[in-house]
Protein backbone atom coordinates (compact mmCIF):
# COMPACT_ATOMS: atom_id res chain seq x y z
CA MET A 1 -13.54 200.88 261.93
CA ALA A 2 -14.54 204.45 261.27
CA ALA A 3 -13.34 206.28 258.20
CA ILE A 4 -9.72 207.38 258.40
CA ASP A 5 -9.14 210.89 259.78
CA SER A 6 -5.62 211.66 258.55
CA PHE A 7 -3.40 210.21 255.84
CA THR A 8 -1.52 213.25 254.61
CA GLY A 9 1.84 213.88 253.01
CA LYS A 10 2.67 216.08 255.99
CA ASP A 11 2.71 212.88 258.11
CA ARG A 12 5.34 211.13 256.00
CA ARG A 13 8.41 212.14 257.99
CA HIS A 14 6.75 211.22 261.28
CA LEU A 15 5.68 207.84 259.87
CA LEU A 16 9.19 207.08 258.62
CA GLU A 17 10.62 208.02 262.02
CA GLN A 18 8.11 205.70 263.69
CA MET A 19 9.07 202.86 261.34
CA ALA A 20 12.75 203.51 262.09
CA ASN A 21 12.34 203.45 265.89
CA PRO A 22 15.00 200.91 266.97
CA ALA A 23 13.13 200.17 270.18
CA GLU A 24 10.12 198.88 268.22
CA PRO A 25 11.12 196.83 265.18
CA LEU A 26 8.41 196.16 262.64
CA ASP A 27 6.81 192.75 262.56
CA LEU A 28 6.49 193.20 258.82
CA LEU A 29 7.96 195.56 256.27
CA VAL A 30 6.11 195.53 252.94
CA VAL A 31 8.00 196.83 249.92
CA GLY A 32 5.55 197.96 247.24
CA GLY A 33 2.43 200.13 247.44
CA GLY A 34 0.34 198.60 244.69
CA ILE A 35 -2.78 196.55 245.33
CA THR A 36 -0.80 193.48 246.43
CA GLY A 37 1.27 195.36 248.99
CA ALA A 38 -1.78 197.30 250.16
CA GLY A 39 -3.72 194.09 250.70
CA ILE A 40 -0.84 192.56 252.68
CA ALA A 41 -0.56 195.67 254.85
CA LEU A 42 -4.30 195.62 255.61
CA ASP A 43 -4.39 191.92 256.43
CA ALA A 44 -1.34 192.16 258.70
CA ALA A 45 -2.54 195.33 260.45
CA ALA A 46 -5.99 193.81 261.00
CA ARG A 47 -4.28 190.90 262.80
CA GLY A 48 -2.42 193.32 265.08
CA MET A 49 1.03 193.22 263.52
CA ARG A 50 3.27 196.27 263.58
CA VAL A 51 3.39 196.99 259.85
CA GLY A 52 5.34 199.39 257.67
CA LEU A 53 4.93 199.84 253.91
CA VAL A 54 7.16 201.84 251.57
CA GLU A 55 6.55 202.66 247.92
CA MET A 56 9.22 204.35 245.78
CA GLN A 57 6.64 206.07 243.54
CA ASP A 58 3.12 207.08 244.44
CA PHE A 59 0.76 204.43 245.71
CA ALA A 60 -0.70 202.45 242.77
CA ALA A 61 1.60 204.30 240.33
CA GLY A 62 2.72 201.05 238.71
CA THR A 63 0.49 198.25 237.47
CA SER A 64 -2.28 199.01 239.98
CA SER A 65 -3.42 202.17 238.19
CA ARG A 66 -2.83 200.85 234.68
CA SER A 67 -5.06 197.77 234.39
CA THR A 68 -8.23 197.23 232.34
CA LYS A 69 -10.03 198.42 235.49
CA LEU A 70 -12.10 195.27 235.87
CA VAL A 71 -12.51 193.07 238.93
CA HIS A 72 -13.45 190.20 236.70
CA GLY A 73 -14.04 186.50 237.03
CA GLY A 74 -11.43 185.35 234.56
CA LEU A 75 -13.53 184.04 231.67
CA ARG A 76 -10.43 184.03 229.44
CA TYR A 77 -8.76 181.59 231.85
CA LEU A 78 -11.57 179.09 231.29
CA LYS A 79 -10.49 179.04 227.66
CA GLN A 80 -7.00 178.08 228.89
CA LEU A 81 -8.55 175.42 231.21
CA GLU A 82 -7.26 177.17 234.33
CA ILE A 83 -10.26 175.97 236.31
CA GLY A 84 -8.79 176.80 239.72
CA VAL A 85 -8.03 180.38 238.70
CA VAL A 86 -11.59 180.91 237.45
CA ALA A 87 -13.10 179.51 240.64
CA GLU A 88 -10.90 181.52 242.98
CA VAL A 89 -11.12 184.87 241.26
CA GLY A 90 -14.87 184.42 240.90
CA ARG A 91 -15.23 183.98 244.64
CA GLU A 92 -12.86 186.84 245.37
CA ARG A 93 -14.67 189.15 242.97
CA ALA A 94 -17.81 188.94 245.10
CA ILE A 95 -15.82 189.68 248.27
CA VAL A 96 -14.09 192.70 246.72
CA TYR A 97 -17.48 194.03 245.64
CA GLU A 98 -19.16 193.66 249.01
CA ASN A 99 -16.23 195.15 250.94
CA GLY A 100 -15.91 198.16 248.66
CA PRO A 101 -19.06 198.71 246.58
CA HIS A 102 -18.15 202.38 246.06
CA VAL A 103 -15.14 201.40 243.95
CA THR A 104 -16.62 198.33 242.24
CA THR A 105 -19.69 198.27 239.98
CA PRO A 106 -21.42 195.37 238.16
CA GLU A 107 -21.07 195.78 234.40
CA ARG A 108 -23.11 193.72 231.95
CA MET A 109 -20.77 192.38 229.28
CA LEU A 110 -21.71 191.37 225.74
CA LEU A 111 -19.69 188.67 223.99
CA PRO A 112 -20.67 188.75 220.30
CA ILE A 113 -20.40 185.46 218.42
CA TYR A 114 -19.34 185.45 214.77
CA ARG A 115 -19.08 182.81 212.08
CA GLY A 116 -15.47 181.66 212.02
CA GLY A 117 -14.67 183.47 215.28
CA THR A 118 -12.95 182.20 218.41
CA PHE A 119 -16.25 181.44 220.16
CA GLY A 120 -19.08 179.35 218.78
CA ARG A 121 -22.65 179.64 220.02
CA PHE A 122 -22.68 176.23 221.72
CA SER A 123 -19.21 176.53 223.21
CA THR A 124 -19.97 180.04 224.49
CA SER A 125 -23.21 178.92 226.12
CA LEU A 126 -21.48 175.96 227.73
CA GLY A 127 -18.45 178.02 228.74
CA LEU A 128 -20.52 180.75 230.35
CA ARG A 129 -22.61 178.16 232.19
CA VAL A 130 -19.46 176.55 233.58
CA TYR A 131 -18.13 180.01 234.38
CA ASP A 132 -21.29 180.85 236.35
CA PHE A 133 -20.89 177.63 238.34
CA LEU A 134 -17.16 177.96 239.04
CA ALA A 135 -17.30 181.66 239.86
CA GLY A 136 -20.38 181.30 242.08
CA VAL A 137 -22.27 183.92 240.10
CA LYS A 138 -25.46 185.26 241.72
CA ARG A 139 -28.70 184.04 240.18
CA GLY A 140 -29.63 187.51 238.91
CA GLU A 141 -26.25 187.92 237.21
CA ARG A 142 -26.02 184.56 235.42
CA ARG A 143 -25.43 184.36 231.71
CA SER A 144 -28.04 184.47 229.00
CA MET A 145 -27.72 183.78 225.29
CA LEU A 146 -28.98 186.37 222.82
CA THR A 147 -30.30 186.17 219.27
CA VAL A 148 -28.78 188.27 216.50
CA ALA A 149 -31.56 190.84 216.86
CA ALA A 150 -31.19 191.01 220.63
CA THR A 151 -27.41 191.32 220.34
CA LEU A 152 -27.69 194.25 217.92
CA ALA A 153 -30.37 195.85 220.09
CA ARG A 154 -27.93 195.85 222.97
CA GLU A 155 -25.15 197.31 220.82
CA PRO A 156 -26.11 198.63 217.38
CA LEU A 157 -22.53 199.60 216.50
CA LEU A 158 -21.47 195.96 216.21
CA LYS A 159 -20.45 194.50 212.87
CA GLU A 160 -23.47 192.67 211.44
CA ASP A 161 -21.68 190.52 208.85
CA GLY A 162 -21.39 186.96 210.17
CA LEU A 163 -23.03 187.72 213.53
CA LEU A 164 -24.65 184.61 215.07
CA GLY A 165 -25.81 186.07 218.38
CA GLY A 166 -24.16 186.82 221.67
CA GLY A 167 -23.48 185.78 225.21
CA TYR A 168 -24.48 188.15 228.02
CA TYR A 169 -22.88 187.98 231.44
CA VAL A 170 -21.65 190.18 234.29
CA GLU A 171 -18.20 191.54 235.00
CA TYR A 172 -17.29 194.17 237.62
CA ARG A 173 -15.81 197.54 236.69
CA THR A 174 -13.50 199.24 239.19
CA ASP A 175 -11.22 202.20 239.68
CA ASP A 176 -8.01 200.27 240.30
CA ALA A 177 -6.03 203.15 241.81
CA ARG A 178 -8.86 204.14 244.14
CA LEU A 179 -9.32 200.52 245.19
CA THR A 180 -5.64 200.43 246.15
CA LEU A 181 -5.91 203.72 248.04
CA GLU A 182 -9.00 202.61 249.97
CA VAL A 183 -7.29 199.39 251.01
CA LEU A 184 -4.22 201.35 252.14
CA LYS A 185 -6.31 203.90 254.02
CA GLU A 186 -8.07 201.11 255.90
CA ALA A 187 -4.69 199.57 256.71
CA ALA A 188 -3.53 202.96 258.02
CA ALA A 189 -6.70 203.32 260.08
CA ARG A 190 -5.77 200.01 261.71
CA GLY A 191 -2.25 201.09 262.53
CA ALA A 192 -0.18 200.34 259.43
CA MET A 193 2.42 202.98 258.58
CA ALA A 194 2.47 203.54 254.81
CA VAL A 195 4.60 206.08 252.96
CA ASN A 196 4.91 206.86 249.25
CA TYR A 197 8.04 208.21 247.52
CA ALA A 198 10.21 206.13 249.87
CA LYS A 199 12.69 203.81 248.16
CA VAL A 200 14.51 200.77 249.54
CA THR A 201 18.14 201.38 248.60
CA GLU A 202 19.73 198.47 250.46
CA PHE A 203 18.74 195.48 252.55
CA ARG A 204 20.21 194.91 256.01
CA TYR A 205 21.39 191.51 257.27
CA GLU A 206 22.66 189.86 260.43
CA ALA A 207 24.38 186.46 260.14
CA GLY A 208 22.94 186.12 256.63
CA ARG A 209 19.35 186.78 257.75
CA LEU A 210 17.36 189.72 256.43
CA ILE A 211 16.56 192.13 259.30
CA GLY A 212 15.38 195.28 257.54
CA ALA A 213 16.25 197.88 254.94
CA GLU A 214 17.72 201.28 254.31
CA VAL A 215 15.01 203.56 252.93
CA GLN A 216 15.51 206.92 251.24
CA ASP A 217 12.75 209.52 251.41
CA LEU A 218 12.69 210.73 247.80
CA ALA A 219 10.61 213.76 248.76
CA GLY A 220 12.49 214.88 251.87
CA GLY A 221 15.95 213.51 251.12
CA GLN A 222 16.57 211.79 254.47
CA THR A 223 17.62 208.15 254.84
CA TYR A 224 16.15 205.81 257.45
CA GLU A 225 17.18 202.44 258.85
CA LEU A 226 14.10 200.22 259.23
CA ARG A 227 14.38 197.03 261.26
CA ALA A 228 11.80 194.33 260.57
CA ARG A 229 11.33 190.75 261.67
CA LYS A 230 10.02 189.87 258.22
CA VAL A 231 10.22 191.61 254.84
CA VAL A 232 7.81 191.00 251.96
CA ASN A 233 8.71 191.93 248.40
CA ALA A 234 5.44 192.99 246.74
CA ALA A 235 7.06 195.30 244.20
CA GLY A 236 5.21 194.11 241.10
CA PRO A 237 7.38 194.71 238.00
CA TRP A 238 10.31 195.49 240.32
CA VAL A 239 10.12 192.13 242.13
CA ASP A 240 13.20 190.76 240.39
CA ALA A 241 15.18 193.97 241.04
CA LEU A 242 14.67 193.46 244.78
CA ARG A 243 15.54 189.77 244.50
CA GLU A 244 18.75 190.82 242.75
CA MET A 245 19.47 193.24 245.61
CA ASP A 246 18.96 190.29 247.96
CA GLY A 247 21.25 188.07 245.85
CA SER A 248 18.40 185.64 245.26
CA LYS A 249 17.38 186.24 241.67
CA HIS A 250 17.54 182.68 240.39
CA GLY A 251 15.07 179.95 239.46
CA LYS A 252 11.73 181.38 238.38
CA MET A 253 11.70 184.96 237.14
CA LEU A 254 9.27 187.52 235.80
CA GLN A 255 8.12 187.94 232.21
CA LEU A 256 6.99 191.54 231.80
CA THR A 257 4.27 192.30 229.28
CA LYS A 258 2.69 195.61 228.36
CA GLY A 259 -0.99 196.42 227.95
CA VAL A 260 -2.29 199.63 226.37
CA HIS A 261 -5.76 201.18 226.48
CA LEU A 262 -7.19 204.04 224.39
CA VAL A 263 -9.90 206.48 225.47
CA PHE A 264 -12.47 208.06 223.13
CA ASP A 265 -15.23 210.55 223.81
CA GLN A 266 -18.71 209.04 223.70
CA GLY A 267 -19.67 211.65 221.14
CA ARG A 268 -17.26 209.96 218.73
CA PHE A 269 -17.62 206.38 220.00
CA PRO A 270 -21.15 206.16 221.44
CA LEU A 271 -20.89 202.66 222.87
CA ARG A 272 -24.05 201.69 224.77
CA GLN A 273 -22.91 198.36 226.09
CA ALA A 274 -19.59 196.92 227.32
CA VAL A 275 -18.31 194.44 224.73
CA TYR A 276 -15.68 191.68 224.97
CA PHE A 277 -14.58 190.65 221.49
CA ASP A 278 -11.86 188.73 219.70
CA THR A 279 -9.46 190.18 217.14
CA PRO A 280 -8.22 188.53 213.92
CA ASP A 281 -5.03 187.39 215.69
CA GLY A 282 -7.06 185.62 218.39
CA ARG A 283 -6.57 188.12 221.21
CA MET A 284 -9.49 189.36 223.28
CA VAL A 285 -10.26 193.07 223.71
CA PHE A 286 -12.66 194.98 225.96
CA ALA A 287 -14.60 198.09 224.91
CA ILE A 288 -16.23 199.70 227.95
CA PRO A 289 -18.35 202.86 228.37
CA ARG A 290 -17.44 204.95 231.42
CA ASP A 291 -18.25 208.49 232.53
CA GLY A 292 -19.02 209.84 229.08
CA LYS A 293 -16.05 208.07 227.50
CA THR A 294 -15.37 204.71 225.87
CA TYR A 295 -12.11 202.96 226.58
CA VAL A 296 -10.70 200.01 224.63
CA GLY A 297 -7.89 197.57 225.40
CA THR A 298 -5.72 195.81 225.88
CA THR A 299 -2.61 194.90 223.95
CA ASP A 300 -0.32 192.19 225.30
CA THR A 301 3.31 192.39 224.19
CA VAL A 302 6.62 191.41 225.77
CA TYR A 303 8.13 194.49 227.37
CA HIS A 304 11.78 195.41 227.93
CA GLY A 305 11.41 199.18 228.33
CA GLU A 306 11.58 201.57 231.25
CA LEU A 307 9.38 200.25 234.07
CA ALA A 308 8.13 203.38 235.78
CA HIS A 309 6.63 205.04 232.71
CA PRO A 310 5.44 202.66 230.00
CA CYS A 311 3.45 204.39 227.32
CA MET A 312 1.50 204.00 224.11
CA THR A 313 3.48 203.59 220.91
CA LYS A 314 2.16 204.12 217.40
CA ALA A 315 2.05 200.34 216.90
CA ASP A 316 -0.04 199.93 220.08
CA ARG A 317 -2.43 202.67 219.01
CA ASP A 318 -2.82 201.33 215.48
CA TYR A 319 -3.46 197.79 216.73
CA ILE A 320 -6.35 198.94 218.92
CA LEU A 321 -7.74 201.29 216.25
CA ASP A 322 -7.74 198.39 213.77
CA ALA A 323 -9.53 196.20 216.33
CA VAL A 324 -12.16 198.90 216.97
CA ASN A 325 -12.81 199.53 213.29
CA GLY A 326 -12.99 195.82 212.61
CA MET A 327 -15.67 195.23 215.25
CA PHE A 328 -17.47 198.59 214.91
CA PRO A 329 -17.03 199.35 211.18
CA GLY A 330 -19.41 202.29 211.04
CA LEU A 331 -17.25 204.35 213.38
CA ALA A 332 -14.14 204.79 211.22
CA VAL A 333 -12.20 206.11 214.20
CA THR A 334 -8.73 207.50 213.57
CA ALA A 335 -5.73 208.50 215.65
CA ALA A 336 -7.20 212.01 215.89
CA ASP A 337 -10.13 210.58 217.88
CA VAL A 338 -7.94 209.22 220.68
CA GLU A 339 -8.31 211.59 223.65
CA SER A 340 -6.07 209.79 226.11
CA SER A 341 -4.37 206.48 226.80
CA TRP A 342 -2.59 204.53 229.46
CA ALA A 343 -0.09 201.69 229.45
CA GLY A 344 0.69 199.19 232.17
CA VAL A 345 3.33 196.55 232.76
CA ARG A 346 2.13 193.14 233.93
CA PRO A 347 4.57 191.20 236.13
CA LEU A 348 3.84 187.63 235.00
CA ILE A 349 5.85 184.55 235.88
CA TYR A 350 7.93 183.41 232.92
CA GLU A 351 6.84 180.21 231.18
CA GLU A 352 9.11 179.01 228.39
CA GLY A 353 7.53 178.78 224.95
CA LYS A 354 4.36 180.71 225.82
CA SER A 355 3.23 183.97 224.24
CA PRO A 356 2.29 186.91 226.52
CA SER A 357 -1.44 186.19 226.30
CA GLU A 358 -0.88 182.49 227.11
CA ILE A 359 1.18 183.02 230.30
CA SER A 360 -0.71 182.11 233.46
CA ARG A 361 -1.90 184.91 235.75
CA LYS A 362 -1.49 182.66 238.78
CA ASP A 363 0.44 184.03 241.76
CA GLU A 364 3.33 182.32 243.52
CA ILE A 365 5.18 182.93 246.79
CA TRP A 366 8.95 182.50 246.89
CA GLU A 367 11.31 182.69 249.87
CA SER A 368 15.04 183.30 249.65
CA ALA A 369 17.80 181.89 251.86
CA SER A 370 17.95 185.23 253.69
CA GLY A 371 14.23 185.12 254.47
CA LEU A 372 12.96 187.60 251.87
CA ILE A 373 9.38 186.62 251.02
CA THR A 374 8.35 187.49 247.46
CA ILE A 375 4.84 187.45 246.02
CA ALA A 376 4.85 187.35 242.21
CA GLY A 377 2.22 187.17 239.49
CA GLY A 378 -1.46 187.29 240.34
CA LYS A 379 -4.38 189.51 239.41
CA LEU A 380 -6.10 192.60 240.77
CA THR A 381 -9.19 190.53 241.56
CA GLY A 382 -7.26 188.11 243.75
CA TYR A 383 -5.39 190.66 245.84
CA ARG A 384 -7.15 189.82 249.13
CA LYS A 385 -6.56 186.08 248.87
CA MET A 386 -2.93 186.63 247.85
CA ALA A 387 -2.48 188.81 250.92
CA GLU A 388 -4.07 186.17 253.15
CA LEU A 389 -1.63 183.51 251.93
CA VAL A 390 1.38 185.78 252.41
CA VAL A 391 0.37 186.98 255.88
CA ASP A 392 -0.47 183.42 256.96
CA ARG A 393 3.13 182.51 256.12
CA VAL A 394 4.49 185.57 257.91
CA SER A 395 2.34 184.86 260.96
CA ALA A 396 3.54 181.26 261.18
CA LYS A 397 7.18 182.39 260.97
CA LEU A 398 6.73 185.11 263.58
CA LYS A 399 5.28 182.55 265.97
CA ARG A 400 7.97 179.95 265.31
CA GLU A 401 10.95 182.30 265.30
CA PHE A 402 9.92 185.05 267.71
CA GLY A 403 7.09 183.58 269.77
CA ARG A 404 4.67 186.25 268.53
CA SER A 405 1.13 184.99 267.95
CA PHE A 406 -1.52 186.64 265.80
CA PRO A 407 -5.14 185.76 264.96
CA PRO A 408 -6.22 184.38 261.56
CA CYS A 409 -7.22 186.47 258.56
CA SER A 410 -10.32 188.65 258.98
CA THR A 411 -10.44 190.50 255.66
CA ARG A 412 -13.10 188.34 254.00
CA THR A 413 -15.80 190.43 255.68
CA LEU A 414 -13.79 193.58 256.40
CA PRO A 415 -14.96 196.69 254.51
CA ILE A 416 -12.17 198.80 253.07
CA SER A 417 -12.05 202.54 253.76
CA GLY A 418 -15.26 204.10 252.49
CA GLY A 419 -16.94 200.71 252.22
CA GLN A 420 -19.03 201.08 255.39
CA VAL A 421 -22.24 201.71 253.45
CA GLY A 422 -24.17 198.51 254.16
CA GLY A 423 -22.66 196.44 251.36
CA SER A 424 -23.68 196.53 247.73
CA GLN A 425 -27.38 196.58 248.63
CA GLY A 426 -26.93 199.56 250.90
CA LEU A 427 -24.95 201.81 248.55
CA PRO A 428 -27.84 203.32 246.50
CA GLY A 429 -29.75 204.31 249.63
CA PHE A 430 -26.56 205.66 251.19
CA VAL A 431 -25.91 207.87 248.15
CA GLU A 432 -29.50 209.17 248.22
CA ARG A 433 -29.20 210.11 251.90
CA LYS A 434 -25.93 211.95 251.34
CA VAL A 435 -27.36 213.86 248.39
CA GLN A 436 -30.24 214.97 250.60
CA GLU A 437 -27.87 215.96 253.41
CA ALA A 438 -25.82 217.98 250.93
CA ALA A 439 -28.90 219.79 249.68
CA GLU A 440 -29.80 220.74 253.23
CA ARG A 441 -26.29 222.21 253.65
CA GLY A 442 -26.45 224.14 250.39
CA ILE A 443 -23.98 221.90 248.56
CA PRO A 444 -24.84 221.14 244.90
CA GLN A 445 -26.52 217.76 244.67
CA GLU A 446 -24.60 216.69 241.55
CA PHE A 447 -21.32 217.05 243.44
CA ALA A 448 -22.64 215.15 246.44
CA ALA A 449 -23.91 212.29 244.26
CA LYS A 450 -20.56 212.00 242.50
CA TRP A 451 -18.55 212.16 245.72
CA ALA A 452 -20.76 209.69 247.60
CA ALA A 453 -20.46 207.18 244.77
CA ARG A 454 -16.67 207.67 244.50
CA TYR A 455 -15.65 208.00 248.15
CA GLY A 456 -18.36 205.96 249.88
CA ALA A 457 -18.54 206.47 253.64
CA ASN A 458 -15.67 208.97 253.45
CA VAL A 459 -18.03 211.42 251.72
CA ASP A 460 -18.85 213.00 255.09
CA ARG A 461 -15.33 214.42 255.15
CA LEU A 462 -15.79 215.92 251.68
CA LEU A 463 -19.18 217.39 252.57
CA ALA A 464 -17.64 219.00 255.65
CA ILE A 465 -14.86 220.48 253.50
CA ALA A 466 -17.43 221.72 250.98
CA ALA A 467 -19.53 223.35 253.71
CA GLU A 468 -16.44 225.06 255.12
CA MET A 469 -15.36 226.29 251.69
CA SER A 470 -18.86 227.46 250.80
CA ALA A 471 -18.88 229.56 253.96
CA SER A 472 -15.41 231.05 253.51
CA GLY A 473 -14.82 230.73 249.77
CA ALA A 474 -12.74 228.05 248.08
CA PRO A 475 -8.97 228.57 248.32
CA ALA A 476 -7.43 230.87 245.75
CA ALA A 477 -4.53 229.29 243.93
CA SER A 478 -2.79 232.66 243.70
CA ALA A 479 -3.62 236.30 244.21
CA ASP A 480 -4.46 236.87 240.56
CA SER A 481 -6.06 233.51 239.69
CA ARG A 482 -9.68 232.54 239.82
CA ARG A 483 -10.75 230.55 242.84
CA LEU A 484 -10.90 226.81 242.49
CA PRO A 485 -14.55 225.72 242.23
CA LEU A 486 -15.90 223.20 244.72
CA GLU A 487 -15.74 220.38 242.17
CA VAL A 488 -11.94 220.79 242.10
CA ALA A 489 -11.13 222.27 245.49
CA VAL A 490 -12.96 219.70 247.64
CA PRO A 491 -11.44 216.52 246.12
CA LEU A 492 -8.04 218.26 246.10
CA ARG A 493 -8.22 219.16 249.79
CA TYR A 494 -9.35 215.62 250.59
CA ALA A 495 -6.53 214.12 248.50
CA LEU A 496 -4.00 216.26 250.35
CA GLU A 497 -5.34 215.70 253.85
CA ALA A 498 -6.58 212.12 253.67
CA GLU A 499 -4.95 210.36 250.68
CA MET A 500 -1.27 211.42 250.84
CA ALA A 501 -1.27 213.09 247.42
CA MET A 502 2.18 214.65 246.99
CA THR A 503 2.20 215.95 243.41
CA PRO A 504 -0.28 217.26 240.83
CA ALA A 505 0.09 213.96 238.93
CA ASP A 506 -0.90 212.07 242.07
CA PHE A 507 -4.12 214.06 242.14
CA PHE A 508 -4.99 214.09 238.45
CA VAL A 509 -3.91 210.52 237.64
CA ARG A 510 -4.50 208.34 240.69
CA ARG A 511 -6.81 210.26 243.07
CA THR A 512 -9.34 211.26 240.39
CA GLY A 513 -8.49 209.29 237.21
CA ALA A 514 -9.04 212.53 235.28
CA LEU A 515 -5.92 212.23 233.12
CA MET A 516 -7.49 209.15 231.56
CA PHE A 517 -11.19 210.00 231.56
CA ASP A 518 -11.35 213.82 231.50
CA ILE A 519 -8.06 215.06 230.11
CA ALA A 520 -9.56 218.46 229.18
CA TRP A 521 -10.39 218.98 232.90
CA VAL A 522 -6.74 218.31 233.75
CA ARG A 523 -5.52 220.83 231.20
CA ARG A 524 -7.97 223.42 232.48
CA TRP A 525 -7.10 223.10 236.17
CA LYS A 526 -3.47 221.94 236.22
CA GLU A 527 -1.98 225.37 236.97
CA PRO A 528 -4.34 226.47 239.80
CA VAL A 529 -4.16 222.99 241.36
CA THR A 530 -0.38 223.13 241.29
CA MET A 531 -0.50 226.61 242.84
CA GLU A 532 -2.73 225.35 245.66
CA MET A 533 -0.49 222.32 246.30
CA ALA A 534 2.54 224.63 246.36
CA ARG A 535 0.80 226.75 249.00
CA TYR A 536 -0.17 223.68 251.05
CA PHE A 537 3.33 222.17 251.07
CA GLY A 538 5.33 225.41 250.90
CA TRP A 539 7.12 224.47 247.67
CA SER A 540 9.84 226.63 246.19
CA GLU A 541 9.46 227.86 242.61
CA GLU A 542 11.92 225.20 241.51
CA VAL A 543 9.93 222.36 243.11
CA LYS A 544 6.68 223.75 241.73
CA ARG A 545 8.13 223.85 238.20
CA ARG A 546 9.44 220.30 238.57
CA TRP A 547 6.04 218.88 239.50
CA MET A 548 4.29 220.90 236.80
CA ALA A 549 6.76 219.53 234.25
CA GLU A 550 6.04 216.01 235.47
CA LEU A 551 2.32 216.52 234.89
CA ASP A 552 2.97 218.00 231.45
CA ARG A 553 5.01 214.91 230.53
CA ALA A 554 2.18 212.69 231.72
CA LEU A 555 -0.32 214.68 229.64
CA GLU A 556 1.86 214.38 226.57
CA GLY A 557 2.47 210.67 227.17
CA ALA A 558 -1.27 210.01 227.39
CA ALA A 559 -2.04 211.79 224.12
CA VAL A 560 1.02 211.31 221.90
CA PRO A 561 2.60 207.95 220.95
CA LYS A 562 6.22 207.58 221.99
CA ASN A 563 9.04 205.71 220.31
CA PRO A 564 11.14 204.50 222.00
CA GLU A 565 9.24 203.59 225.16
CA GLY A 566 9.15 205.99 228.09
CA ILE A 567 8.20 209.59 228.89
CA GLY A 568 10.94 210.47 231.37
CA GLY A 569 11.27 210.27 235.11
CA ILE A 570 8.54 211.13 237.57
CA SER A 571 9.60 210.19 241.06
CA GLY A 572 13.37 210.38 240.82
């Protein structure tokens, strides 16, 4: 399937009207636009189902933009003897990588071993060997054991006292929000109708059977009646809220936990090598270099706060700072060194007597008496397999109850949007070709290299936008403001026209990740970007101020600890 041509916020009303067409009920309505819902929508659309997806915030605004940003093989689950989880997520990790190499990158990970620590040299060697086997790790990415000298050579900042050596293995770094968007865009290219800022306010029933939902467009204000043969609840932390709406919140329930990550500039925390290390209380923490920054996390605490906007507290920040200074004692980082942060809520399945870090990350599918299908738990890495299991169940029910037949799952070898670059082996050559093409069109090569690596096969659309803007001048945000440079204007235009960005926060947080990894860039360009979005959508001054205030709250929440939890409402 070719790269998607249009996925813009200006299509939202038309898409909702299509979903609400009483003459054509949906085969499947998916509630939730995180990675799980996106994967379900893609799988179902690829089989030929008539699919609608609604998300009450922006796509990936919940857990799916707030993870540790790793498509990893679950080494920590080996420690908990969850052999099946390790094997499955290891296999799925390779599939995610091949289908979207532009949003997934191999990352060598160092596991330092200390006297008296959680991991011993023998147990680490054995564990990593078992991990390689279970996860089906490629020969060139299998583990190796390092001496003390070799461990310190890889990362000189490590604490030397008590160091016995290290384990060296491969994880996969990702941009979780962009992964979600690329999956959704591929689903849309295959006919799925997906809309953000659209909230299910009530379910609809006939003779006790679920037949659809009332959906409110939070951006436009209209309400729509959507009829669907099957409804899947993939709402992440809001799963139980929808079950309560359905009158089926009983039996197993969610246990919400919060994870926080801190971001430092590489000038202050010059980490060479990704490190996975244990803390004095037995938790495991990642420290990962990325784009001139180092990020560290995560915490794992039971969470009872506001779901839409979890944030860093002083206790979260201090815990991670203590962990950093304990493992990298020469740094002496302080709160003043924290540039940005993010916090996410994990929707785990409650297990009595277990601490947050001990609760299984396994997924489960539940079905209520009305027919509401709920997918709960799970991990970013396993999104495709989770979707396959859900859509297999939906497909079987559609055949049995409505006589509608659909083919089996095809997503194992289906590239996501932007992934049509020849797999992981083809990506470097693809990027080189696009950089050369950009040079021939007078587009700066550094922009082309960045865009090709971030957007994959969709880069052609960005290069076309850049060529157009270079010929006519980038759009002015207002009559008296400086023009937006290509590095801002091109991704913004693409986000508006092809990624359904609706607000400045959508662009700066989930379309670019800049709020986390280049917060100074956000502060510099927030006003002209908001001006340009106001021009594109025709916002009133009141709407423009509201979205600017939302972005300002997000900026403050990323930089300043909050007690109590929460930074205020974003999507209404």
